[in-house]
């Protein structure tokens, strides 16, 4: 028979708390601690990867061209809406011709605002522009019922939609609320009770 192990060596070396499975709270804390560490490592890795690569002028030009196409189509769709409202004839050829004519006119505005949209001054300028264009559009719709005056509405609506889309969330919501307040308190016709 072999030599028996001494009693001292048979004493467990783990602490009592480590010998038993952890409680649910301890388990959650251990897992959460590991997840937080993984999240911190991932954030640090992403920051290292996010070295600022400036966008070239050519890329901004292409962005302006590609953004002017849907906004040109939006303008022509608004134009068709006005024509339908006044029972004027329209066709698909004139719709696409209007979009093709509008795209080059929209390109400079889109290029300038898209290139500098992260700057605070551009956000402020676009907010003021959105307020002015939105209020003027609603004023035109309310006080200029003739077809000649209504034909300016598609351009105003397109620029207003573009400016709101380009704005950060808070300035966009604020400008929409101010224009809505202008319509509600200034332009809305009072209801006659009777």
N, C-alpha and C. Protein backbone atom coordinates (compact mmCIF):
# COMPACT_ATOMS: atom_id res chain seq x y z
N UNK A 1 0.83 -1.17 0.00
CA UNK A 1 0.00 0.00 0.00
C UNK A 1 0.86 1.22 0.00
N UNK A 2 0.35 2.14 -0.75
CA UNK A 2 1.10 3.37 -0.86
C UNK A 2 0.95 4.24 0.38
N UNK A 3 1.75 5.19 0.39
CA UNK A 3 1.76 6.12 1.50
C UNK A 3 0.47 6.93 1.49
N UNK A 4 -0.16 7.05 2.63
CA UNK A 4 -1.38 7.84 2.72
C UNK A 4 -1.04 9.31 2.74
N UNK A 5 -1.94 10.07 2.12
CA UNK A 5 -1.77 11.52 2.08
C UNK A 5 -2.04 12.09 3.46
N UNK A 6 -1.25 13.04 3.83
CA UNK A 6 -1.44 13.61 5.16
C UNK A 6 -2.75 14.39 5.21
N UNK A 7 -3.23 14.48 6.38
CA UNK A 7 -4.49 15.15 6.61
C UNK A 7 -4.43 16.62 6.24
N UNK A 8 -3.30 17.25 6.40
CA UNK A 8 -3.15 18.68 6.09
C UNK A 8 -3.30 18.93 4.60
N UNK A 9 -2.82 18.00 3.80
CA UNK A 9 -2.91 18.20 2.35
C UNK A 9 -4.32 17.99 1.83
N UNK A 10 -5.14 17.33 2.62
CA UNK A 10 -6.51 17.11 2.18
C UNK A 10 -7.44 18.26 2.53
N UNK A 11 -6.94 19.25 3.20
CA UNK A 11 -7.76 20.41 3.54
C UNK A 11 -7.99 21.22 2.26
N UNK A 12 -9.23 21.57 1.98
CA UNK A 12 -9.50 22.34 0.76
C UNK A 12 -8.80 23.70 0.82
N UNK A 13 -8.23 24.09 -0.32
CA UNK A 13 -7.52 25.36 -0.37
C UNK A 13 -8.43 26.52 -0.80
N UNK A 14 -9.57 26.23 -1.38
CA UNK A 14 -10.48 27.29 -1.79
C UNK A 14 -11.22 27.80 -0.58
N UNK A 15 -11.58 29.07 -0.67
CA UNK A 15 -12.38 29.65 0.39
C UNK A 15 -13.77 29.04 0.32
N UNK A 16 -14.47 29.15 1.40
CA UNK A 16 -15.80 28.56 1.46
C UNK A 16 -16.72 29.21 0.43
N UNK A 17 -16.56 30.51 0.21
CA UNK A 17 -17.44 31.20 -0.75
C UNK A 17 -17.14 30.77 -2.18
N UNK A 18 -15.89 30.34 -2.46
CA UNK A 18 -15.55 29.91 -3.81
C UNK A 18 -15.90 28.45 -4.03
N UNK A 19 -16.02 27.68 -2.97
CA UNK A 19 -16.31 26.26 -3.10
C UNK A 19 -17.74 26.04 -3.54
N UNK A 20 -18.63 26.89 -3.11
CA UNK A 20 -20.03 26.75 -3.48
C UNK A 20 -20.33 27.63 -4.69
N UNK A 21 -21.33 27.25 -5.45
CA UNK A 21 -21.68 28.11 -6.58
C UNK A 21 -22.11 29.49 -6.09
N UNK A 22 -21.82 30.53 -6.88
CA UNK A 22 -22.18 31.88 -6.42
C UNK A 22 -23.69 32.07 -6.40
N UNK A 23 -24.11 32.99 -5.56
CA UNK A 23 -25.54 33.30 -5.53
C UNK A 23 -25.90 34.02 -6.83
N UNK A 24 -27.17 34.20 -7.02
CA UNK A 24 -27.63 34.83 -8.26
C UNK A 24 -27.08 36.25 -8.38
N UNK A 25 -27.09 36.99 -7.28
CA UNK A 25 -26.58 38.36 -7.30
C UNK A 25 -25.09 38.39 -7.63
N UNK A 26 -24.32 37.48 -7.00
CA UNK A 26 -22.88 37.42 -7.28
C UNK A 26 -22.63 37.04 -8.73
N UNK A 27 -23.41 36.12 -9.25
CA UNK A 27 -23.26 35.69 -10.64
C UNK A 27 -23.52 36.86 -11.59
N UNK A 28 -24.58 37.60 -11.33
CA UNK A 28 -24.92 38.76 -12.17
C UNK A 28 -23.82 39.81 -12.11
N UNK A 29 -23.29 40.07 -10.91
CA UNK A 29 -22.22 41.05 -10.77
C UNK A 29 -20.97 40.62 -11.53
N UNK A 30 -20.65 39.33 -11.46
CA UNK A 30 -19.47 38.84 -12.18
C UNK A 30 -19.66 38.99 -13.68
N UNK A 31 -20.83 38.60 -14.19
CA UNK A 31 -21.08 38.69 -15.63
C UNK A 31 -21.15 40.15 -16.08
N UNK A 32 -21.81 40.99 -15.30
CA UNK A 32 -21.92 42.40 -15.67
C UNK A 32 -20.55 43.06 -15.68
N UNK A 33 -19.73 42.73 -14.70
CA UNK A 33 -18.38 43.28 -14.67
C UNK A 33 -17.60 42.90 -15.91
N UNK A 34 -17.75 41.66 -16.33
CA UNK A 34 -17.08 41.21 -17.55
C UNK A 34 -17.62 41.91 -18.78
N UNK A 35 -18.93 42.10 -18.83
CA UNK A 35 -19.53 42.79 -19.97
C UNK A 35 -19.10 44.25 -20.03
N UNK A 36 -19.02 44.89 -18.87
CA UNK A 36 -18.58 46.28 -18.85
C UNK A 36 -17.14 46.40 -19.33
N UNK A 37 -16.32 45.45 -18.93
CA UNK A 37 -14.93 45.47 -19.39
C UNK A 37 -14.86 45.26 -20.90
N UNK A 38 -15.67 44.33 -21.42
CA UNK A 38 -15.70 44.11 -22.87
C UNK A 38 -16.18 45.37 -23.59
N UNK A 39 -17.18 46.03 -23.03
CA UNK A 39 -17.69 47.25 -23.66
C UNK A 39 -16.64 48.34 -23.67
N UNK A 40 -15.89 48.49 -22.57
CA UNK A 40 -14.83 49.50 -22.52
C UNK A 40 -13.74 49.20 -23.53
N UNK A 41 -13.37 47.92 -23.65
CA UNK A 41 -12.35 47.55 -24.64
C UNK A 41 -12.84 47.83 -26.05
N UNK A 42 -14.11 47.53 -26.32
CA UNK A 42 -14.67 47.76 -27.66
C UNK A 42 -14.74 49.25 -27.97
N UNK A 43 -15.13 50.07 -27.01
CA UNK A 43 -15.17 51.52 -27.21
C UNK A 43 -13.78 52.07 -27.50
N UNK A 44 -12.79 51.59 -26.77
CA UNK A 44 -11.42 52.04 -27.01
C UNK A 44 -10.96 51.62 -28.40
N UNK A 45 -11.32 50.41 -28.82
CA UNK A 45 -10.96 49.95 -30.16
C UNK A 45 -11.63 50.79 -31.24
N UNK A 46 -12.90 51.12 -31.03
CA UNK A 46 -13.61 51.95 -32.00
C UNK A 46 -13.03 53.35 -32.09
N UNK A 47 -12.62 53.91 -30.94
CA UNK A 47 -11.99 55.23 -30.95
C UNK A 47 -10.69 55.21 -31.72
N UNK A 48 -9.93 54.13 -31.59
CA UNK A 48 -8.68 54.03 -32.35
C UNK A 48 -8.98 53.94 -33.84
N UNK A 49 -10.06 53.26 -34.20
CA UNK A 49 -10.41 53.11 -35.61
C UNK A 49 -10.99 54.37 -36.21
N UNK A 50 -11.56 55.23 -35.38
CA UNK A 50 -12.22 56.42 -35.87
C UNK A 50 -11.25 57.58 -36.04
N UNK A 51 -10.19 57.34 -36.70
CA UNK A 51 -9.31 58.44 -37.03
C UNK A 51 -10.01 59.27 -38.07
N UNK A 52 -9.99 60.57 -37.91
CA UNK A 52 -10.73 61.48 -38.77
C UNK A 52 -10.14 61.47 -40.17
N UNK A 53 -10.96 61.03 -41.11
CA UNK A 53 -10.57 61.04 -42.51
C UNK A 53 -11.41 62.11 -43.19
N UNK A 54 -10.80 63.21 -43.61
CA UNK A 54 -11.59 64.27 -44.22
C UNK A 54 -12.20 63.82 -45.54
N UNK A 55 -13.43 64.26 -45.77
CA UNK A 55 -14.12 63.94 -47.02
C UNK A 55 -13.67 64.93 -48.07
N UNK A 56 -13.37 64.43 -49.24
CA UNK A 56 -12.87 65.30 -50.30
C UNK A 56 -14.01 66.10 -50.92
N UNK A 57 -13.64 67.15 -51.62
CA UNK A 57 -14.62 67.99 -52.31
C UNK A 57 -15.40 67.18 -53.33
N UNK A 58 -14.73 66.27 -54.01
CA UNK A 58 -15.41 65.44 -55.01
C UNK A 58 -16.51 64.61 -54.37
N UNK A 59 -16.27 64.11 -53.16
CA UNK A 59 -17.30 63.32 -52.49
C UNK A 59 -18.51 64.18 -52.14
N UNK A 60 -18.26 65.42 -51.70
CA UNK A 60 -19.38 66.32 -51.41
C UNK A 60 -20.15 66.66 -52.68
N UNK A 61 -19.44 66.81 -53.79
CA UNK A 61 -20.12 67.09 -55.06
C UNK A 61 -21.00 65.91 -55.46
N UNK A 62 -20.48 64.69 -55.33
CA UNK A 62 -21.28 63.51 -55.66
C UNK A 62 -22.47 63.39 -54.72
N UNK A 63 -22.27 63.68 -53.44
CA UNK A 63 -23.39 63.65 -52.51
C UNK A 63 -24.46 64.65 -52.92
N UNK A 64 -24.04 65.84 -53.32
CA UNK A 64 -25.00 66.86 -53.76
C UNK A 64 -25.76 66.40 -54.99
N UNK A 65 -25.05 65.79 -55.92
CA UNK A 65 -25.72 65.30 -57.14
C UNK A 65 -26.73 64.22 -56.78
N UNK A 66 -26.31 63.26 -55.96
CA UNK A 66 -27.21 62.16 -55.63
C UNK A 66 -28.36 62.59 -54.72
N UNK A 67 -28.17 63.60 -53.91
CA UNK A 67 -29.28 64.10 -53.10
C UNK A 67 -30.22 64.99 -53.91
N UNK A 68 -29.71 65.64 -54.94
CA UNK A 68 -30.57 66.52 -55.73
C UNK A 68 -31.57 65.73 -56.58
N UNK A 69 -31.28 64.49 -56.88
CA UNK A 69 -32.20 63.68 -57.69
C UNK A 69 -33.52 63.41 -56.93
N UNK A 70 -33.49 62.86 -55.71
CA UNK A 70 -34.78 62.64 -55.03
C UNK A 70 -35.50 63.93 -54.66
N UNK A 71 -34.74 64.98 -54.33
CA UNK A 71 -35.40 66.24 -54.00
C UNK A 71 -35.96 66.92 -55.25
N UNK A 72 -35.35 66.71 -56.40
CA UNK A 72 -35.94 67.18 -57.66
C UNK A 72 -37.24 66.46 -57.96
N UNK A 73 -37.26 65.15 -57.72
CA UNK A 73 -38.49 64.38 -57.91
C UNK A 73 -39.56 64.80 -56.89
N UNK A 74 -39.14 65.12 -55.68
CA UNK A 74 -40.09 65.59 -54.68
C UNK A 74 -40.71 66.91 -55.12
N UNK A 75 -39.90 67.81 -55.65
CA UNK A 75 -40.41 69.09 -56.14
C UNK A 75 -41.42 68.87 -57.26
N UNK A 76 -41.11 67.98 -58.19
CA UNK A 76 -42.05 67.74 -59.28
C UNK A 76 -43.32 67.05 -58.78
N UNK A 77 -43.22 66.22 -57.75
CA UNK A 77 -44.42 65.61 -57.18
C UNK A 77 -45.30 66.66 -56.51
N UNK A 78 -44.68 67.61 -55.80
CA UNK A 78 -45.45 68.71 -55.22
C UNK A 78 -46.09 69.56 -56.32
N UNK A 79 -45.39 69.74 -57.44
CA UNK A 79 -45.92 70.51 -58.57
C UNK A 79 -47.15 69.81 -59.14
N UNK A 80 -47.08 68.51 -59.28
CA UNK A 80 -48.24 67.75 -59.77
C UNK A 80 -49.41 67.88 -58.80
N UNK A 81 -49.12 67.87 -57.51
CA UNK A 81 -50.17 68.02 -56.50
C UNK A 81 -50.90 69.34 -56.67
N UNK A 82 -50.15 70.42 -56.89
CA UNK A 82 -50.77 71.73 -57.10
C UNK A 82 -51.61 71.73 -58.37
N UNK A 83 -51.08 71.14 -59.43
CA UNK A 83 -51.82 71.10 -60.70
C UNK A 83 -53.11 70.29 -60.57
N UNK A 84 -53.05 69.19 -59.85
CA UNK A 84 -54.26 68.38 -59.64
C UNK A 84 -55.27 69.16 -58.81
N UNK A 85 -54.79 69.91 -57.83
CA UNK A 85 -55.67 70.69 -56.98
C UNK A 85 -56.45 71.72 -57.80
N UNK A 86 -55.81 72.32 -58.80
CA UNK A 86 -56.46 73.33 -59.64
C UNK A 86 -56.97 72.75 -60.95
N UNK A 87 -57.05 71.44 -61.04
CA UNK A 87 -57.57 70.74 -62.21
C UNK A 87 -56.84 71.15 -63.49
N UNK A 88 -55.53 71.29 -63.38
CA UNK A 88 -54.68 71.60 -64.53
C UNK A 88 -54.14 70.29 -65.09
N UNK A 89 -53.91 70.22 -66.40
CA UNK A 89 -53.37 68.99 -66.97
C UNK A 89 -51.89 68.80 -66.62
N UNK A 90 -51.48 67.55 -66.49
CA UNK A 90 -50.08 67.21 -66.26
C UNK A 90 -49.82 65.85 -66.88
N UNK A 91 -48.56 65.57 -67.15
CA UNK A 91 -48.17 64.26 -67.67
C UNK A 91 -46.83 63.87 -67.07
N UNK A 92 -46.47 62.61 -67.26
CA UNK A 92 -45.22 62.11 -66.68
C UNK A 92 -44.00 62.77 -67.30
N UNK A 93 -44.08 63.12 -68.55
CA UNK A 93 -42.94 63.76 -69.21
C UNK A 93 -42.64 65.11 -68.55
N UNK A 94 -43.68 65.90 -68.29
CA UNK A 94 -43.45 67.19 -67.64
C UNK A 94 -42.98 67.00 -66.19
N UNK A 95 -43.45 65.93 -65.55
CA UNK A 95 -43.00 65.64 -64.19
C UNK A 95 -41.49 65.39 -64.17
N UNK A 96 -41.00 64.53 -65.05
CA UNK A 96 -39.57 64.23 -65.07
C UNK A 96 -38.75 65.40 -65.61
N UNK A 97 -39.32 66.18 -66.53
CA UNK A 97 -38.62 67.36 -67.04
C UNK A 97 -38.45 68.39 -65.92
N UNK A 98 -39.48 68.55 -65.11
CA UNK A 98 -39.39 69.48 -63.96
C UNK A 98 -38.33 68.99 -62.97
N UNK A 99 -38.26 67.68 -62.74
CA UNK A 99 -37.25 67.13 -61.83
C UNK A 99 -35.85 67.34 -62.37
N UNK A 100 -35.68 67.15 -63.68
CA UNK A 100 -34.36 67.34 -64.30
C UNK A 100 -33.95 68.80 -64.25
N UNK A 101 -34.89 69.71 -64.43
CA UNK A 101 -34.58 71.14 -64.35
C UNK A 101 -34.31 71.59 -62.92
N UNK A 102 -34.97 70.96 -61.95
CA UNK A 102 -34.81 71.37 -60.55
C UNK A 102 -33.52 70.87 -59.94
N UNK A 103 -33.03 69.72 -60.38
CA UNK A 103 -31.84 69.13 -59.76
C UNK A 103 -30.62 70.05 -59.82
N UNK A 104 -30.28 70.66 -60.97
CA UNK A 104 -29.13 71.56 -60.97
C UNK A 104 -29.34 72.81 -60.11
N UNK A 105 -30.58 73.24 -59.97
CA UNK A 105 -30.84 74.40 -59.12
C UNK A 105 -30.69 74.04 -57.64
N UNK A 106 -31.00 72.81 -57.29
CA UNK A 106 -30.89 72.37 -55.90
C UNK A 106 -29.46 72.00 -55.51
N UNK A 107 -28.64 71.64 -56.50
CA UNK A 107 -27.28 71.15 -56.23
C UNK A 107 -26.43 72.12 -55.39
N UNK A 108 -26.35 73.42 -55.73
CA UNK A 108 -25.50 74.31 -54.91
C UNK A 108 -25.97 74.41 -53.46
N UNK A 109 -27.28 74.50 -53.26
CA UNK A 109 -27.81 74.56 -51.89
C UNK A 109 -27.46 73.28 -51.13
N UNK A 110 -27.66 72.15 -51.78
CA UNK A 110 -27.37 70.87 -51.13
C UNK A 110 -25.88 70.73 -50.86
N UNK A 111 -25.04 71.14 -51.81
CA UNK A 111 -23.59 71.04 -51.63
C UNK A 111 -23.14 71.86 -50.42
N UNK A 112 -23.56 73.12 -50.35
CA UNK A 112 -23.10 74.00 -49.27
C UNK A 112 -23.62 73.55 -47.91
N UNK A 113 -24.90 73.23 -47.84
CA UNK A 113 -25.45 72.84 -46.54
C UNK A 113 -24.96 71.47 -46.09
N UNK A 114 -24.77 70.56 -47.03
CA UNK A 114 -24.30 69.23 -46.68
C UNK A 114 -22.83 69.25 -46.25
N UNK A 115 -22.05 70.09 -46.89
CA UNK A 115 -20.62 70.16 -46.57
C UNK A 115 -20.37 70.70 -45.17
N UNK A 116 -21.19 71.65 -44.75
CA UNK A 116 -20.96 72.30 -43.45
C UNK A 116 -22.05 71.99 -42.43
N UNK A 117 -22.84 70.93 -42.64
CA UNK A 117 -23.98 70.70 -41.76
C UNK A 117 -23.59 70.38 -40.32
N UNK A 118 -22.38 69.95 -40.07
CA UNK A 118 -21.96 69.65 -38.69
C UNK A 118 -21.60 70.92 -37.92
N UNK A 119 -21.34 72.01 -38.63
CA UNK A 119 -20.96 73.27 -37.98
C UNK A 119 -22.18 73.90 -37.30
N UNK A 120 -21.95 74.48 -36.14
CA UNK A 120 -23.04 75.11 -35.39
C UNK A 120 -23.65 76.27 -36.17
N UNK A 121 -22.81 77.06 -36.85
CA UNK A 121 -23.33 78.21 -37.59
C UNK A 121 -24.24 77.75 -38.73
N UNK A 122 -23.92 76.62 -39.36
CA UNK A 122 -24.77 76.12 -40.44
C UNK A 122 -26.08 75.57 -39.88
N UNK A 123 -26.01 74.92 -38.72
CA UNK A 123 -27.24 74.45 -38.09
C UNK A 123 -28.15 75.63 -37.74
N UNK A 124 -27.54 76.71 -37.23
CA UNK A 124 -28.34 77.90 -36.90
C UNK A 124 -28.93 78.52 -38.17
N UNK A 125 -28.13 78.61 -39.22
CA UNK A 125 -28.60 79.18 -40.48
C UNK A 125 -29.72 78.33 -41.08
N UNK A 126 -29.56 77.02 -41.05
CA UNK A 126 -30.61 76.15 -41.59
C UNK A 126 -31.87 76.19 -40.73
N UNK A 127 -31.72 76.37 -39.42
CA UNK A 127 -32.89 76.49 -38.55
C UNK A 127 -33.68 77.75 -38.89
N UNK A 128 -32.97 78.88 -39.03
CA UNK A 128 -33.63 80.13 -39.40
C UNK A 128 -34.26 80.01 -40.78
N UNK A 129 -33.54 79.40 -41.71
CA UNK A 129 -34.09 79.19 -43.05
C UNK A 129 -35.33 78.31 -43.02
N UNK A 130 -35.30 77.27 -42.21
CA UNK A 130 -36.44 76.38 -42.08
C UNK A 130 -37.65 77.12 -41.51
N UNK A 131 -37.40 77.96 -40.51
CA UNK A 131 -38.49 78.75 -39.93
C UNK A 131 -39.10 79.68 -40.97
N UNK A 132 -38.24 80.39 -41.69
CA UNK A 132 -38.71 81.36 -42.69
C UNK A 132 -39.45 80.66 -43.82
N UNK A 133 -38.85 79.63 -44.39
CA UNK A 133 -39.45 78.95 -45.54
C UNK A 133 -40.75 78.26 -45.14
N UNK A 134 -40.77 77.61 -43.98
CA UNK A 134 -41.99 76.94 -43.53
C UNK A 134 -43.12 77.92 -43.28
N UNK A 135 -42.81 79.03 -42.61
CA UNK A 135 -43.84 80.03 -42.34
C UNK A 135 -44.33 80.67 -43.64
N UNK A 136 -43.40 80.96 -44.56
CA UNK A 136 -43.79 81.57 -45.83
C UNK A 136 -44.63 80.61 -46.67
N UNK A 137 -44.30 79.33 -46.62
CA UNK A 137 -45.10 78.33 -47.33
C UNK A 137 -46.52 78.29 -46.79
N UNK A 138 -46.67 78.25 -45.48
CA UNK A 138 -48.01 78.22 -44.90
C UNK A 138 -48.77 79.50 -45.18
N UNK A 139 -48.07 80.63 -45.15
CA UNK A 139 -48.71 81.91 -45.48
C UNK A 139 -49.19 81.90 -46.94
N UNK A 140 -48.36 81.40 -47.84
CA UNK A 140 -48.73 81.32 -49.26
C UNK A 140 -49.94 80.41 -49.45
N UNK A 141 -49.95 79.29 -48.79
CA UNK A 141 -51.07 78.36 -48.92
C UNK A 141 -52.37 78.96 -48.38
N UNK A 142 -52.26 79.77 -47.33
CA UNK A 142 -53.45 80.34 -46.69
C UNK A 142 -53.97 81.57 -47.43
N UNK A 143 -53.07 82.45 -47.89
CA UNK A 143 -53.50 83.75 -48.40
C UNK A 143 -53.38 83.92 -49.90
N UNK A 144 -52.86 82.96 -50.62
CA UNK A 144 -52.68 83.10 -52.07
C UNK A 144 -53.32 81.92 -52.79
N UNK A 145 -54.63 81.95 -52.94
CA UNK A 145 -55.29 80.79 -53.52
C UNK A 145 -55.19 80.69 -55.04
N UNK A 146 -54.61 81.67 -55.70
CA UNK A 146 -54.55 81.60 -57.17
C UNK A 146 -53.46 80.63 -57.62
N UNK A 147 -53.62 80.11 -58.83
CA UNK A 147 -52.67 79.13 -59.35
C UNK A 147 -51.28 79.73 -59.48
N UNK A 148 -51.19 80.97 -59.92
CA UNK A 148 -49.88 81.61 -60.08
C UNK A 148 -49.10 81.68 -58.78
N UNK A 149 -49.80 82.00 -57.70
CA UNK A 149 -49.14 82.06 -56.39
C UNK A 149 -48.87 80.66 -55.84
N UNK A 150 -49.77 79.74 -56.13
CA UNK A 150 -49.60 78.38 -55.61
C UNK A 150 -48.45 77.64 -56.29
N UNK A 151 -48.04 78.09 -57.46
CA UNK A 151 -46.93 77.42 -58.13
C UNK A 151 -45.60 77.65 -57.43
N UNK A 152 -45.55 78.60 -56.49
CA UNK A 152 -44.32 78.75 -55.71
C UNK A 152 -44.28 77.76 -54.55
N UNK A 153 -45.39 77.15 -54.21
CA UNK A 153 -45.45 76.22 -53.08
C UNK A 153 -44.57 74.98 -53.26
N UNK A 154 -44.49 74.35 -54.44
CA UNK A 154 -43.64 73.16 -54.55
C UNK A 154 -42.17 73.43 -54.22
N UNK A 155 -41.64 74.55 -54.70
CA UNK A 155 -40.25 74.89 -54.40
C UNK A 155 -40.03 75.15 -52.92
N UNK A 156 -40.96 75.90 -52.32
CA UNK A 156 -40.85 76.18 -50.88
C UNK A 156 -40.96 74.90 -50.06
N UNK A 157 -41.89 74.04 -50.43
CA UNK A 157 -42.07 72.80 -49.68
C UNK A 157 -40.84 71.91 -49.79
N UNK A 158 -40.25 71.85 -50.98
CA UNK A 158 -39.06 71.02 -51.17
C UNK A 158 -37.89 71.53 -50.34
N UNK A 159 -37.67 72.84 -50.37
CA UNK A 159 -36.57 73.42 -49.58
C UNK A 159 -36.82 73.23 -48.09
N UNK A 160 -38.07 73.39 -47.67
CA UNK A 160 -38.40 73.20 -46.26
C UNK A 160 -38.13 71.77 -45.82
N UNK A 161 -38.58 70.80 -46.61
CA UNK A 161 -38.34 69.39 -46.28
C UNK A 161 -36.84 69.11 -46.24
N UNK A 162 -36.09 69.63 -47.21
CA UNK A 162 -34.65 69.40 -47.23
C UNK A 162 -33.98 69.97 -45.99
N UNK A 163 -34.32 71.21 -45.63
CA UNK A 163 -33.69 71.83 -44.46
C UNK A 163 -34.02 71.06 -43.18
N UNK A 164 -35.24 70.62 -43.03
CA UNK A 164 -35.61 69.86 -41.83
C UNK A 164 -34.88 68.53 -41.79
N UNK A 165 -34.72 67.89 -42.94
CA UNK A 165 -34.00 66.61 -42.99
C UNK A 165 -32.53 66.79 -42.62
N UNK A 166 -31.92 67.88 -43.04
CA UNK A 166 -30.50 68.11 -42.78
C UNK A 166 -30.22 68.57 -41.35
N UNK A 167 -31.22 69.12 -40.68
CA UNK A 167 -31.00 69.62 -39.33
C UNK A 167 -30.80 68.48 -38.34
N UNK A 168 -30.10 68.79 -37.25
CA UNK A 168 -30.04 67.86 -36.13
C UNK A 168 -31.45 67.75 -35.54
N UNK A 169 -31.65 66.75 -34.69
CA UNK A 169 -33.00 66.45 -34.21
C UNK A 169 -33.62 67.62 -33.44
N UNK A 170 -32.90 68.18 -32.49
CA UNK A 170 -33.48 69.23 -31.65
C UNK A 170 -33.83 70.48 -32.46
N UNK A 171 -32.91 71.02 -33.29
CA UNK A 171 -33.31 72.18 -34.09
C UNK A 171 -34.45 71.88 -35.06
N UNK A 172 -34.49 70.67 -35.60
CA UNK A 172 -35.57 70.30 -36.52
C UNK A 172 -36.91 70.31 -35.81
N UNK A 173 -36.96 69.70 -34.63
CA UNK A 173 -38.22 69.65 -33.88
C UNK A 173 -38.63 71.05 -33.45
N UNK A 174 -37.67 71.86 -32.99
CA UNK A 174 -37.99 73.22 -32.57
C UNK A 174 -38.54 74.03 -33.74
N UNK A 175 -37.89 73.94 -34.90
CA UNK A 175 -38.37 74.72 -36.05
C UNK A 175 -39.76 74.25 -36.49
N UNK A 176 -40.01 72.95 -36.46
CA UNK A 176 -41.34 72.45 -36.82
C UNK A 176 -42.39 72.92 -35.81
N UNK A 177 -42.05 72.93 -34.53
CA UNK A 177 -43.00 73.39 -33.52
C UNK A 177 -43.29 74.88 -33.66
N UNK A 178 -42.27 75.68 -33.96
CA UNK A 178 -42.48 77.12 -34.13
C UNK A 178 -43.36 77.38 -35.35
N UNK A 179 -43.12 76.68 -36.45
CA UNK A 179 -43.95 76.86 -37.64
C UNK A 179 -45.38 76.38 -37.36
N UNK A 180 -45.52 75.28 -36.63
CA UNK A 180 -46.86 74.80 -36.27
C UNK A 180 -47.58 75.81 -35.38
N UNK A 181 -46.85 76.43 -34.45
CA UNK A 181 -47.44 77.46 -33.60
C UNK A 181 -47.84 78.68 -34.43
N UNK A 182 -47.02 79.05 -35.41
CA UNK A 182 -47.35 80.16 -36.31
C UNK A 182 -48.65 79.86 -37.05
N UNK A 183 -48.78 78.63 -37.52
CA UNK A 183 -50.01 78.26 -38.23
C UNK A 183 -51.20 78.26 -37.27
N UNK A 184 -51.02 77.67 -36.10
CA UNK A 184 -52.14 77.50 -35.17
C UNK A 184 -52.61 78.84 -34.59
N UNK A 185 -51.67 79.68 -34.19
CA UNK A 185 -52.04 80.93 -33.53
C UNK A 185 -52.16 82.11 -34.50
N UNK A 186 -51.52 82.02 -35.66
CA UNK A 186 -51.52 83.17 -36.55
C UNK A 186 -52.34 83.00 -37.81
N UNK A 187 -52.34 81.81 -38.38
CA UNK A 187 -52.97 81.64 -39.68
C UNK A 187 -54.28 80.89 -39.65
N UNK A 188 -54.47 80.08 -38.66
CA UNK A 188 -55.67 79.25 -38.62
C UNK A 188 -56.90 80.13 -38.53
N UNK A 189 -57.86 79.86 -39.39
CA UNK A 189 -59.10 80.63 -39.38
C UNK A 189 -59.93 80.20 -38.17
N UNK A 190 -60.47 81.19 -37.45
CA UNK A 190 -61.29 80.81 -36.29
C UNK A 190 -62.56 80.09 -36.76
N UNK A 191 -62.95 79.09 -36.02
CA UNK A 191 -64.15 78.31 -36.34
C UNK A 191 -65.38 79.11 -35.92
N UNK A 192 -66.34 79.17 -36.80
CA UNK A 192 -67.58 79.86 -36.46
C UNK A 192 -68.49 78.89 -35.73
N UNK A 193 -68.96 79.31 -34.60
CA UNK A 193 -69.89 78.45 -33.86
C UNK A 193 -71.30 78.82 -34.27
N UNK A 194 -72.09 77.85 -34.45
CA UNK A 194 -73.43 78.23 -34.88
C UNK A 194 -74.35 77.16 -34.91
